């Protein structure tokens, strides 16, 4: 979980840890997921 309750259409991401303190690993198969706060099925 990188960020919550973000307004607008951009987010500046520093790749190190997520918002819960978990360290981001290196790897080859990542995707970014954007979802509505109100309705998580809109993603």
ModelCIF file with pLDDT and N, C-alpha, C, O atoms, coordinates in Angstrom:
data_MODEL
#
_entry.id   MODEL 
#
_entity.id                         1 
_entity.type                       polymer 
_entity.pdbx_number_of_molecules   1 
#
_entity_poly.entity_id                      1 
_entity_poly.type                           'polypeptide(L)' 
_entity_poly.nstd_linkage                   no 
_entity_poly.nstd_monomer                   no 
_entity_poly.pdbx_seq_one_letter_code       
;(UNK)(UNK)(UNK)(UNK)(UNK)(UNK)(UNK)(UNK)(UNK)(UNK)(UNK)(UNK)(UNK)(UNK)(UNK)(UNK)
(UNK)(UNK)(UNK)(UNK)(UNK)(UNK)(UNK)(UNK)(UNK)(UNK)(UNK)(UNK)(UNK)(UNK)(UNK)(UNK)
(UNK)(UNK)(UNK)(UNK)(UNK)(UNK)(UNK)(UNK)(UNK)(UNK)(UNK)
;
_entity_poly.pdbx_seq_one_letter_code_can   XXXXXXXXXXXXXXXXXXXXXXXXXXXXXXXXXXXXXXXXXXX 
_entity_poly.pdbx_strand_id                 A 
#
loop_
_entity_poly_seq.entity_id 
_entity_poly_seq.num 
_entity_poly_seq.mon_id 
_entity_poly_seq.hetero 
1 1  UNK n 
1 2  UNK n 
1 3  UNK n 
1 4  UNK n 
1 5  UNK n 
1 6  UNK n 
1 7  UNK n 
1 8  UNK n 
1 9  UNK n 
1 10 UNK n 
1 11 UNK n 
1 12 UNK n 
1 13 UNK n 
1 14 UNK n 
1 15 UNK n 
1 16 UNK n 
1 17 UNK n 
1 18 UNK n 
1 19 UNK n 
1 20 UNK n 
1 21 UNK n 
1 22 UNK n 
1 23 UNK n 
1 24 UNK n 
1 25 UNK n 
1 26 UNK n 
1 27 UNK n 
1 28 UNK n 
1 29 UNK n 
1 30 UNK n 
1 31 UNK n 
1 32 UNK n 
1 33 UNK n 
1 34 UNK n 
1 35 UNK n 
1 36 UNK n 
1 37 UNK n 
1 38 UNK n 
1 39 UNK n 
1 40 UNK n 
1 41 UNK n 
1 42 UNK n 
1 43 UNK n 
#
_struct_asym.id          A 
_struct_asym.entity_id   1 
#
loop_
_ma_qa_metric.id 
_ma_qa_metric.mode 
_ma_qa_metric.name 
_ma_qa_metric.software_group_id 
_ma_qa_metric.type 
1 global pLDDT . pLDDT 
2 local  pLDDT . pLDDT 
#
_ma_qa_metric_global.metric_id      1 
_ma_qa_metric_global.metric_value   95.84 
_ma_qa_metric_global.model_id       1 
_ma_qa_metric_global.ordinal_id     1 
#
loop_
_ma_qa_metric_local.label_asym_id 
_ma_qa_metric_local.label_comp_id 
_ma_qa_metric_local.label_seq_id 
_ma_qa_metric_local.metric_id 
_ma_qa_metric_local.metric_value 
_ma_qa_metric_local.model_id 
_ma_qa_metric_local.ordinal_id 
A UNK 1  2 97.00 1 1  
A UNK 2  2 98.00 1 2  
A UNK 3  2 97.00 1 3  
A UNK 4  2 97.00 1 4  
A UNK 5  2 97.00 1 5  
A UNK 6  2 97.00 1 6  
A UNK 7  2 95.00 1 7  
A UNK 8  2 93.00 1 8  
A UNK 9  2 95.00 1 9  
A UNK 10 2 96.00 1 10 
A UNK 11 2 97.00 1 11 
A UNK 12 2 94.00 1 12 
A UNK 13 2 95.00 1 13 
A UNK 14 2 93.00 1 14 
A UNK 15 2 95.00 1 15 
A UNK 16 2 94.00 1 16 
A UNK 17 2 95.00 1 17 
A UNK 18 2 96.00 1 18 
A UNK 19 2 95.00 1 19 
A UNK 20 2 95.00 1 20 
A UNK 21 2 96.00 1 21 
A UNK 22 2 96.00 1 22 
A UNK 23 2 96.00 1 23 
A UNK 24 2 97.00 1 24 
A UNK 25 2 96.00 1 25 
A UNK 26 2 94.00 1 26 
A UNK 27 2 95.00 1 27 
A UNK 28 2 95.00 1 28 
A UNK 29 2 96.00 1 29 
A UNK 30 2 97.00 1 30 
A UNK 31 2 97.00 1 31 
A UNK 32 2 98.00 1 32 
A UNK 33 2 98.00 1 33 
A UNK 34 2 98.00 1 34 
A UNK 35 2 97.00 1 35 
A UNK 36 2 97.00 1 36 
A UNK 37 2 96.00 1 37 
A UNK 38 2 95.00 1 38 
A UNK 39 2 95.00 1 39 
A UNK 40 2 94.00 1 40 
A UNK 41 2 95.00 1 41 
A UNK 42 2 96.00 1 42 
A UNK 43 2 96.00 1 43 
#
loop_
_atom_site.group_PDB 
_atom_site.id 
_atom_site.type_symbol 
_atom_site.label_atom_id 
_atom_site.label_alt_id 
_atom_site.label_comp_id 
_atom_site.label_asym_id 
_atom_site.label_entity_id 
_atom_site.label_seq_id 
_atom_site.pdbx_PDB_ins_code 
_atom_site.Cartn_x 
_atom_site.Cartn_y 
_atom_site.Cartn_z 
_atom_site.occupancy 
_atom_site.B_iso_or_equiv 
_atom_site.pdbx_formal_charge 
_atom_site.auth_seq_id 
_atom_site.auth_comp_id 
_atom_site.auth_asym_id 
_atom_site.auth_atom_id 
_atom_site.pdbx_PDB_model_num 
ATOM 1   N N  . UNK A 1 1  ? 0.854   -1.191 0.000   1.00 97.00 ? 1  UNK A N  1 
ATOM 2   C CA . UNK A 1 1  ? 0.000   0.000  0.000   1.00 97.00 ? 1  UNK A CA 1 
ATOM 3   C C  . UNK A 1 1  ? 0.892   1.245  0.000   1.00 97.00 ? 1  UNK A C  1 
ATOM 4   O O  . UNK A 1 1  ? 1.537   1.566  0.999   1.00 97.00 ? 1  UNK A O  1 
ATOM 5   N N  . UNK A 1 2  ? 0.914   1.927  -1.128  1.00 98.00 ? 2  UNK A N  1 
ATOM 6   C CA . UNK A 1 2  ? 1.807   3.076  -1.275  1.00 98.00 ? 2  UNK A CA 1 
ATOM 7   C C  . UNK A 1 2  ? 1.208   4.357  -0.716  1.00 98.00 ? 2  UNK A C  1 
ATOM 8   O O  . UNK A 1 2  ? 1.898   5.126  -0.047  1.00 98.00 ? 2  UNK A O  1 
ATOM 9   N N  . UNK A 1 3  ? -0.083  4.592  -0.989  1.00 97.00 ? 3  UNK A N  1 
ATOM 10  C CA . UNK A 1 3  ? -0.701  5.839  -0.548  1.00 97.00 ? 3  UNK A CA 1 
ATOM 11  C C  . UNK A 1 3  ? -2.215  5.679  -0.533  1.00 97.00 ? 3  UNK A C  1 
ATOM 12  O O  . UNK A 1 3  ? -2.774  4.887  -1.292  1.00 97.00 ? 3  UNK A O  1 
ATOM 13  N N  . UNK A 1 4  ? -2.872  6.440  0.338   1.00 97.00 ? 4  UNK A N  1 
ATOM 14  C CA . UNK A 1 4  ? -4.328  6.403  0.433   1.00 97.00 ? 4  UNK A CA 1 
ATOM 15  C C  . UNK A 1 4  ? -4.888  7.816  0.375   1.00 97.00 ? 4  UNK A C  1 
ATOM 16  O O  . UNK A 1 4  ? -4.227  8.792  0.732   1.00 97.00 ? 4  UNK A O  1 
ATOM 17  N N  . UNK A 1 5  ? -6.137  7.888  -0.090  1.00 97.00 ? 5  UNK A N  1 
ATOM 18  C CA . UNK A 1 5  ? -6.867  9.164  -0.141  1.00 97.00 ? 5  UNK A CA 1 
ATOM 19  C C  . UNK A 1 5  ? -6.106  10.241 -0.922  1.00 97.00 ? 5  UNK A C  1 
ATOM 20  O O  . UNK A 1 5  ? -5.947  11.370 -0.458  1.00 97.00 ? 5  UNK A O  1 
ATOM 21  N N  . UNK A 1 6  ? -5.643  9.865  -2.110  1.00 97.00 ? 6  UNK A N  1 
ATOM 22  C CA . UNK A 1 6  ? -4.899  10.798 -2.951  1.00 97.00 ? 6  UNK A CA 1 
ATOM 23  C C  . UNK A 1 6  ? -5.845  11.463 -3.942  1.00 97.00 ? 6  UNK A C  1 
ATOM 24  O O  . UNK A 1 6  ? -6.539  10.782 -4.697  1.00 97.00 ? 6  UNK A O  1 
ATOM 25  N N  . UNK A 1 7  ? -5.873  12.792 -3.941  1.00 95.00 ? 7  UNK A N  1 
ATOM 26  C CA . UNK A 1 7  ? -6.678  13.548 -4.903  1.00 95.00 ? 7  UNK A CA 1 
ATOM 27  C C  . UNK A 1 7  ? -5.814  13.973 -6.078  1.00 95.00 ? 7  UNK A C  1 
ATOM 28  O O  . UNK A 1 7  ? -4.587  13.987 -5.985  1.00 95.00 ? 7  UNK A O  1 
ATOM 29  N N  . UNK A 1 8  ? -6.458  14.318 -7.176  1.00 93.00 ? 8  UNK A N  1 
ATOM 30  C CA . UNK A 1 8  ? -5.722  14.730 -8.365  1.00 93.00 ? 8  UNK A CA 1 
ATOM 31  C C  . UNK A 1 8  ? -5.486  13.572 -9.300  1.00 93.00 ? 8  UNK A C  1 
ATOM 32  O O  . UNK A 1 8  ? -6.263  12.617 -9.317  1.00 93.00 ? 8  UNK A O  1 
ATOM 33  N N  . UNK A 1 9  ? -4.420  13.642 -10.081 1.00 95.00 ? 9  UNK A N  1 
ATOM 34  C CA . UNK A 1 9  ? -4.152  12.601 -11.075 1.00 95.00 ? 9  UNK A CA 1 
ATOM 35  C C  . UNK A 1 9  ? -2.676  12.206 -11.139 1.00 95.00 ? 9  UNK A C  1 
ATOM 36  O O  . UNK A 1 9  ? -2.267  11.498 -12.060 1.00 95.00 ? 9  UNK A O  1 
ATOM 37  N N  . UNK A 1 10 ? -1.867  12.660 -10.162 1.00 96.00 ? 10 UNK A N  1 
ATOM 38  C CA . UNK A 1 10 ? -0.459  12.285 -10.120 1.00 96.00 ? 10 UNK A CA 1 
ATOM 39  C C  . UNK A 1 10 ? -0.025  12.064 -8.680  1.00 96.00 ? 10 UNK A C  1 
ATOM 40  O O  . UNK A 1 10 ? -0.612  12.599 -7.739  1.00 96.00 ? 10 UNK A O  1 
ATOM 41  N N  . UNK A 1 11 ? 1.030   11.254 -8.537  1.00 97.00 ? 11 UNK A N  1 
ATOM 42  C CA . UNK A 1 11 ? 1.593   10.995 -7.214  1.00 97.00 ? 11 UNK A CA 1 
ATOM 43  C C  . UNK A 1 11 ? 3.092   10.765 -7.380  1.00 97.00 ? 11 UNK A C  1 
ATOM 44  O O  . UNK A 1 11 ? 3.517   9.950  -8.199  1.00 97.00 ? 11 UNK A O  1 
ATOM 45  N N  . UNK A 1 12 ? 3.885   11.488 -6.597  1.00 94.00 ? 12 UNK A N  1 
ATOM 46  C CA . UNK A 1 12 ? 5.337   11.347 -6.631  1.00 94.00 ? 12 UNK A CA 1 
ATOM 47  C C  . UNK A 1 12 ? 5.743   10.246 -5.657  1.00 94.00 ? 12 UNK A C  1 
ATOM 48  O O  . UNK A 1 12 ? 5.551   10.373 -4.448  1.00 94.00 ? 12 UNK A O  1 
ATOM 49  N N  . UNK A 1 13 ? 6.302   9.172  -6.192  1.00 95.00 ? 13 UNK A N  1 
ATOM 50  C CA . UNK A 1 13 ? 6.611   7.975  -5.399  1.00 95.00 ? 13 UNK A CA 1 
ATOM 51  C C  . UNK A 1 13 ? 8.111   7.809  -5.223  1.00 95.00 ? 13 UNK A C  1 
ATOM 52  O O  . UNK A 1 13 ? 8.851   7.701  -6.201  1.00 95.00 ? 13 UNK A O  1 
ATOM 53  N N  . UNK A 1 14 ? 8.558   7.789  -3.959  1.00 93.00 ? 14 UNK A N  1 
ATOM 54  C CA . UNK A 1 14 ? 9.944   7.474  -3.634  1.00 93.00 ? 14 UNK A CA 1 
ATOM 55  C C  . UNK A 1 14 ? 10.005  5.986  -3.317  1.00 93.00 ? 14 UNK A C  1 
ATOM 56  O O  . UNK A 1 14 ? 9.407   5.534  -2.340  1.00 93.00 ? 14 UNK A O  1 
ATOM 57  N N  . UNK A 1 15 ? 10.728  5.221  -4.138  1.00 95.00 ? 15 UNK A N  1 
ATOM 58  C CA . UNK A 1 15 ? 10.702  3.758  -4.048  1.00 95.00 ? 15 UNK A CA 1 
ATOM 59  C C  . UNK A 1 15 ? 11.631  3.282  -2.934  1.00 95.00 ? 15 UNK A C  1 
ATOM 60  O O  . UNK A 1 15 ? 12.844  3.175  -3.112  1.00 95.00 ? 15 UNK A O  1 
ATOM 61  N N  . UNK A 1 16 ? 11.029  3.003  -1.789  1.00 94.00 ? 16 UNK A N  1 
ATOM 62  C CA . UNK A 1 16 ? 11.807  2.484  -0.675  1.00 94.00 ? 16 UNK A CA 1 
ATOM 63  C C  . UNK A 1 16 ? 10.939  1.623  0.244   1.00 94.00 ? 16 UNK A C  1 
ATOM 64  O O  . UNK A 1 16 ? 11.157  0.417  0.355   1.00 94.00 ? 16 UNK A O  1 
ATOM 65  N N  . UNK A 1 17 ? 9.956   2.242  0.901   1.00 95.00 ? 17 UNK A N  1 
ATOM 66  C CA . UNK A 1 17 ? 9.039   1.511  1.769   1.00 95.00 ? 17 UNK A CA 1 
ATOM 67  C C  . UNK A 1 17 ? 7.606   1.925  1.466   1.00 95.00 ? 17 UNK A C  1 
ATOM 68  O O  . UNK A 1 17 ? 7.356   3.021  0.963   1.00 95.00 ? 17 UNK A O  1 
ATOM 69  N N  . UNK A 1 18 ? 6.650   1.018  1.786   1.00 96.00 ? 18 UNK A N  1 
ATOM 70  C CA . UNK A 1 18 ? 5.252   1.397  1.625   1.00 96.00 ? 18 UNK A CA 1 
ATOM 71  C C  . UNK A 1 18 ? 4.781   2.139  2.876   1.00 96.00 ? 18 UNK A C  1 
ATOM 72  O O  . UNK A 1 18 ? 5.560   2.345  3.807   1.00 96.00 ? 18 UNK A O  1 
ATOM 73  N N  . UNK A 1 19 ? 3.508   2.539  2.898   1.00 95.00 ? 19 UNK A N  1 
ATOM 74  C CA . UNK A 1 19 ? 3.008   3.357  4.008   1.00 95.00 ? 19 UNK A CA 1 
ATOM 75  C C  . UNK A 1 19 ? 2.958   2.600  5.330   1.00 95.00 ? 19 UNK A C  1 
ATOM 76  O O  . UNK A 1 19 ? 2.848   3.216  6.390   1.00 95.00 ? 19 UNK A O  1 
ATOM 77  N N  . UNK A 1 20 ? 3.037   1.268  5.279   1.00 95.00 ? 20 UNK A N  1 
ATOM 78  C CA . UNK A 1 20 ? 3.039   0.464  6.495   1.00 95.00 ? 20 UNK A CA 1 
ATOM 79  C C  . UNK A 1 20 ? 4.446   0.097  6.963   1.00 95.00 ? 20 UNK A C  1 
ATOM 80  O O  . UNK A 1 20 ? 4.611   -0.628 7.944   1.00 95.00 ? 20 UNK A O  1 
ATOM 81  N N  . UNK A 1 21 ? 5.455   0.599  6.260   1.00 96.00 ? 21 UNK A N  1 
ATOM 82  C CA . UNK A 1 21 ? 6.832   0.359  6.668   1.00 96.00 ? 21 UNK A CA 1 
ATOM 83  C C  . UNK A 1 21 ? 7.480   -0.861 6.053   1.00 96.00 ? 21 UNK A C  1 
ATOM 84  O O  . UNK A 1 21 ? 8.610   -1.196 6.409   1.00 96.00 ? 21 UNK A O  1 
ATOM 85  N N  . UNK A 1 22 ? 6.791   -1.548 5.124   1.00 96.00 ? 22 UNK A N  1 
ATOM 86  C CA . UNK A 1 22 ? 7.382   -2.720 4.478   1.00 96.00 ? 22 UNK A CA 1 
ATOM 87  C C  . UNK A 1 22 ? 8.315   -2.276 3.343   1.00 96.00 ? 22 UNK A C  1 
ATOM 88  O O  . UNK A 1 22 ? 7.949   -1.440 2.517   1.00 96.00 ? 22 UNK A O  1 
ATOM 89  N N  . UNK A 1 23 ? 9.519   -2.845 3.317   1.00 96.00 ? 23 UNK A N  1 
ATOM 90  C CA . UNK A 1 23 ? 10.517  -2.480 2.313   1.00 96.00 ? 23 UNK A CA 1 
ATOM 91  C C  . UNK A 1 23 ? 10.135  -3.057 0.957   1.00 96.00 ? 23 UNK A C  1 
ATOM 92  O O  . UNK A 1 23 ? 9.779   -4.230 0.844   1.00 96.00 ? 23 UNK A O  1 
ATOM 93  N N  . UNK A 1 24 ? 10.215  -2.217 -0.065  1.00 97.00 ? 24 UNK A N  1 
ATOM 94  C CA . UNK A 1 24 ? 9.924   -2.649 -1.433  1.00 97.00 ? 24 UNK A CA 1 
ATOM 95  C C  . UNK A 1 24 ? 11.121  -3.452 -1.951  1.00 97.00 ? 24 UNK A C  1 
ATOM 96  O O  . UNK A 1 24 ? 12.249  -2.964 -1.886  1.00 97.00 ? 24 UNK A O  1 
ATOM 97  N N  . UNK A 1 25 ? 10.908  -4.669 -2.464  1.00 96.00 ? 25 UNK A N  1 
ATOM 98  C CA . UNK A 1 25 ? 12.025  -5.466 -2.980  1.00 96.00 ? 25 UNK A CA 1 
ATOM 99  C C  . UNK A 1 25 ? 12.300  -5.165 -4.449  1.00 96.00 ? 25 UNK A C  1 
ATOM 100 O O  . UNK A 1 25 ? 11.488  -4.527 -5.119  1.00 96.00 ? 25 UNK A O  1 
ATOM 101 N N  . UNK A 1 26 ? 13.428  -5.616 -4.940  1.00 94.00 ? 26 UNK A N  1 
ATOM 102 C CA . UNK A 1 26 ? 13.662  -5.568 -6.374  1.00 94.00 ? 26 UNK A CA 1 
ATOM 103 C C  . UNK A 1 26 ? 12.927  -6.745 -7.014  1.00 94.00 ? 26 UNK A C  1 
ATOM 104 O O  . UNK A 1 26 ? 12.602  -7.718 -6.334  1.00 94.00 ? 26 UNK A O  1 
ATOM 105 N N  . UNK A 1 27 ? 12.665  -6.659 -8.310  1.00 95.00 ? 27 UNK A N  1 
ATOM 106 C CA . UNK A 1 27 ? 11.960  -7.732 -8.995  1.00 95.00 ? 27 UNK A CA 1 
ATOM 107 C C  . UNK A 1 27 ? 11.592  -7.319 -10.414 1.00 95.00 ? 27 UNK A C  1 
ATOM 108 O O  . UNK A 1 27 ? 11.835  -6.186 -10.829 1.00 95.00 ? 27 UNK A O  1 
ATOM 109 N N  . UNK A 1 28 ? 11.005  -8.257 -11.147 1.00 95.00 ? 28 UNK A N  1 
ATOM 110 C CA . UNK A 1 28 ? 10.740  -8.050 -12.569 1.00 95.00 ? 28 UNK A CA 1 
ATOM 111 C C  . UNK A 1 28 ? 9.262   -7.956 -12.937 1.00 95.00 ? 28 UNK A C  1 
ATOM 112 O O  . UNK A 1 28 ? 8.930   -7.657 -14.084 1.00 95.00 ? 28 UNK A O  1 
ATOM 113 N N  . UNK A 1 29 ? 8.366   -8.208 -11.973 1.00 96.00 ? 29 UNK A N  1 
ATOM 114 C CA . UNK A 1 29 ? 6.958   -8.338 -12.338 1.00 96.00 ? 29 UNK A CA 1 
ATOM 115 C C  . UNK A 1 29 ? 6.068   -7.504 -11.407 1.00 96.00 ? 29 UNK A C  1 
ATOM 116 O O  . UNK A 1 29 ? 5.310   -8.040 -10.599 1.00 96.00 ? 29 UNK A O  1 
ATOM 117 N N  . UNK A 1 30 ? 6.181   -6.194 -11.544 1.00 97.00 ? 30 UNK A N  1 
ATOM 118 C CA . UNK A 1 30 ? 5.383   -5.283 -10.731 1.00 97.00 ? 30 UNK A CA 1 
ATOM 119 C C  . UNK A 1 30 ? 4.348   -4.557 -11.595 1.00 97.00 ? 30 UNK A C  1 
ATOM 120 O O  . UNK A 1 30 ? 4.563   -4.305 -12.781 1.00 97.00 ? 30 UNK A O  1 
ATOM 121 N N  . UNK A 1 31 ? 3.220   -4.229 -10.960 1.00 97.00 ? 31 UNK A N  1 
ATOM 122 C CA . UNK A 1 31 ? 2.220   -3.375 -11.582 1.00 97.00 ? 31 UNK A CA 1 
ATOM 123 C C  . UNK A 1 31 ? 1.696   -2.394 -10.534 1.00 97.00 ? 31 UNK A C  1 
ATOM 124 O O  . UNK A 1 31 ? 1.659   -2.699 -9.341  1.00 97.00 ? 31 UNK A O  1 
ATOM 125 N N  . UNK A 1 32 ? 1.291   -1.214 -11.001 1.00 98.00 ? 32 UNK A N  1 
ATOM 126 C CA . UNK A 1 32 ? 0.645   -0.231 -10.143 1.00 98.00 ? 32 UNK A CA 1 
ATOM 127 C C  . UNK A 1 32 ? -0.868  -0.417 -10.253 1.00 98.00 ? 32 UNK A C  1 
ATOM 128 O O  . UNK A 1 32 ? -1.410  -0.587 -11.345 1.00 98.00 ? 32 UNK A O  1 
ATOM 129 N N  . UNK A 1 33 ? -1.540  -0.380 -9.096  1.00 98.00 ? 33 UNK A N  1 
ATOM 130 C CA . UNK A 1 33 ? -3.001  -0.488 -9.064  1.00 98.00 ? 33 UNK A CA 1 
ATOM 131 C C  . UNK A 1 33 ? -3.581  0.793  -8.459  1.00 98.00 ? 33 UNK A C  1 
ATOM 132 O O  . UNK A 1 33 ? -3.183  1.214  -7.372  1.00 98.00 ? 33 UNK A O  1 
ATOM 133 N N  . UNK A 1 34 ? -4.517  1.400  -9.173  1.00 98.00 ? 34 UNK A N  1 
ATOM 134 C CA . UNK A 1 34 ? -5.227  2.579  -8.698  1.00 98.00 ? 34 UNK A CA 1 
ATOM 135 C C  . UNK A 1 34 ? -6.684  2.183  -8.475  1.00 98.00 ? 34 UNK A C  1 
ATOM 136 O O  . UNK A 1 34 ? -7.299  1.583  -9.356  1.00 98.00 ? 34 UNK A O  1 
ATOM 137 N N  . UNK A 1 35 ? -7.246  2.512  -7.306  1.00 97.00 ? 35 UNK A N  1 
ATOM 138 C CA . UNK A 1 35 ? -8.634  2.153  -7.015  1.00 97.00 ? 35 UNK A CA 1 
ATOM 139 C C  . UNK A 1 35 ? -9.339  3.297  -6.305  1.00 97.00 ? 35 UNK A C  1 
ATOM 140 O O  . UNK A 1 35 ? -8.715  4.083  -5.593  1.00 97.00 ? 35 UNK A O  1 
ATOM 141 N N  . UNK A 1 36 ? -10.651 3.378  -6.508  1.00 97.00 ? 36 UNK A N  1 
ATOM 142 C CA . UNK A 1 36 ? -11.462 4.400  -5.854  1.00 97.00 ? 36 UNK A CA 1 
ATOM 143 C C  . UNK A 1 36 ? -11.562 4.115  -4.360  1.00 97.00 ? 36 UNK A C  1 
ATOM 144 O O  . UNK A 1 36 ? -11.743 2.968  -3.951  1.00 97.00 ? 36 UNK A O  1 
ATOM 145 N N  . UNK A 1 37 ? -11.443 5.157  -3.553  1.00 96.00 ? 37 UNK A N  1 
ATOM 146 C CA . UNK A 1 37 ? -11.610 5.012  -2.108  1.00 96.00 ? 37 UNK A CA 1 
ATOM 147 C C  . UNK A 1 37 ? -13.053 4.638  -1.772  1.00 96.00 ? 37 UNK A C  1 
ATOM 148 O O  . UNK A 1 37 ? -13.303 3.841  -0.868  1.00 96.00 ? 37 UNK A O  1 
ATOM 149 N N  . UNK A 1 38 ? -13.991 5.219  -2.503  1.00 95.00 ? 38 UNK A N  1 
ATOM 150 C CA . UNK A 1 38 ? -15.408 4.997  -2.233  1.00 95.00 ? 38 UNK A CA 1 
ATOM 151 C C  . UNK A 1 38 ? -15.852 3.609  -2.684  1.00 95.00 ? 38 UNK A C  1 
ATOM 152 O O  . UNK A 1 38 ? -16.591 2.931  -1.971  1.00 95.00 ? 38 UNK A O  1 
ATOM 153 N N  . UNK A 1 39 ? -15.402 3.183  -3.869  1.00 95.00 ? 39 UNK A N  1 
ATOM 154 C CA . UNK A 1 39 ? -15.792 1.890  -4.431  1.00 95.00 ? 39 UNK A CA 1 
ATOM 155 C C  . UNK A 1 39 ? -14.545 1.181  -4.951  1.00 95.00 ? 39 UNK A C  1 
ATOM 156 O O  . UNK A 1 39 ? -14.129 1.440  -6.080  1.00 95.00 ? 39 UNK A O  1 
ATOM 157 N N  . UNK A 1 40 ? -13.935 0.293  -4.163  1.00 94.00 ? 40 UNK A N  1 
ATOM 158 C CA . UNK A 1 40 ? -12.686 -0.375 -4.569  1.00 94.00 ? 40 UNK A CA 1 
ATOM 159 C C  . UNK A 1 40 ? -12.808 -1.225 -5.830  1.00 94.00 ? 40 UNK A C  1 
ATOM 160 O O  . UNK A 1 40 ? -11.796 -1.609 -6.417  1.00 94.00 ? 40 UNK A O  1 
ATOM 161 N N  . UNK A 1 41 ? -14.051 -1.527 -6.257  1.00 95.00 ? 41 UNK A N  1 
ATOM 162 C CA . UNK A 1 41 ? -14.209 -2.293 -7.506  1.00 95.00 ? 41 UNK A CA 1 
ATOM 163 C C  . UNK A 1 41 ? -13.896 -1.436 -8.731  1.00 95.00 ? 41 UNK A C  1 
ATOM 164 O O  . UNK A 1 41 ? -13.647 -1.962 -9.815  1.00 95.00 ? 41 UNK A O  1 
ATOM 165 N N  . UNK A 1 42 ? -13.911 -0.111 -8.552  1.00 96.00 ? 42 UNK A N  1 
ATOM 166 C CA . UNK A 1 42 ? -13.504 0.795  -9.638  1.00 96.00 ? 42 UNK A CA 1 
ATOM 167 C C  . UNK A 1 42 ? -11.990 0.914  -9.561  1.00 96.00 ? 42 UNK A C  1 
ATOM 168 O O  . UNK A 1 42 ? -11.466 1.676  -8.748  1.00 96.00 ? 42 UNK A O  1 
ATOM 169 N N  . UNK A 1 43 ? -11.293 0.175  -10.393 1.00 96.00 ? 43 UNK A N  1 
ATOM 170 C CA . UNK A 1 43 ? -9.836  0.106  -10.297 1.00 96.00 ? 43 UNK A CA 1 
ATOM 171 C C  . UNK A 1 43 ? -9.223  -0.194 -11.650 1.00 96.00 ? 43 UNK A C  1 
ATOM 172 O O  . UNK A 1 43 ? -8.002  -0.291 -11.767 1.00 96.00 ? 43 UNK A O  1 
#
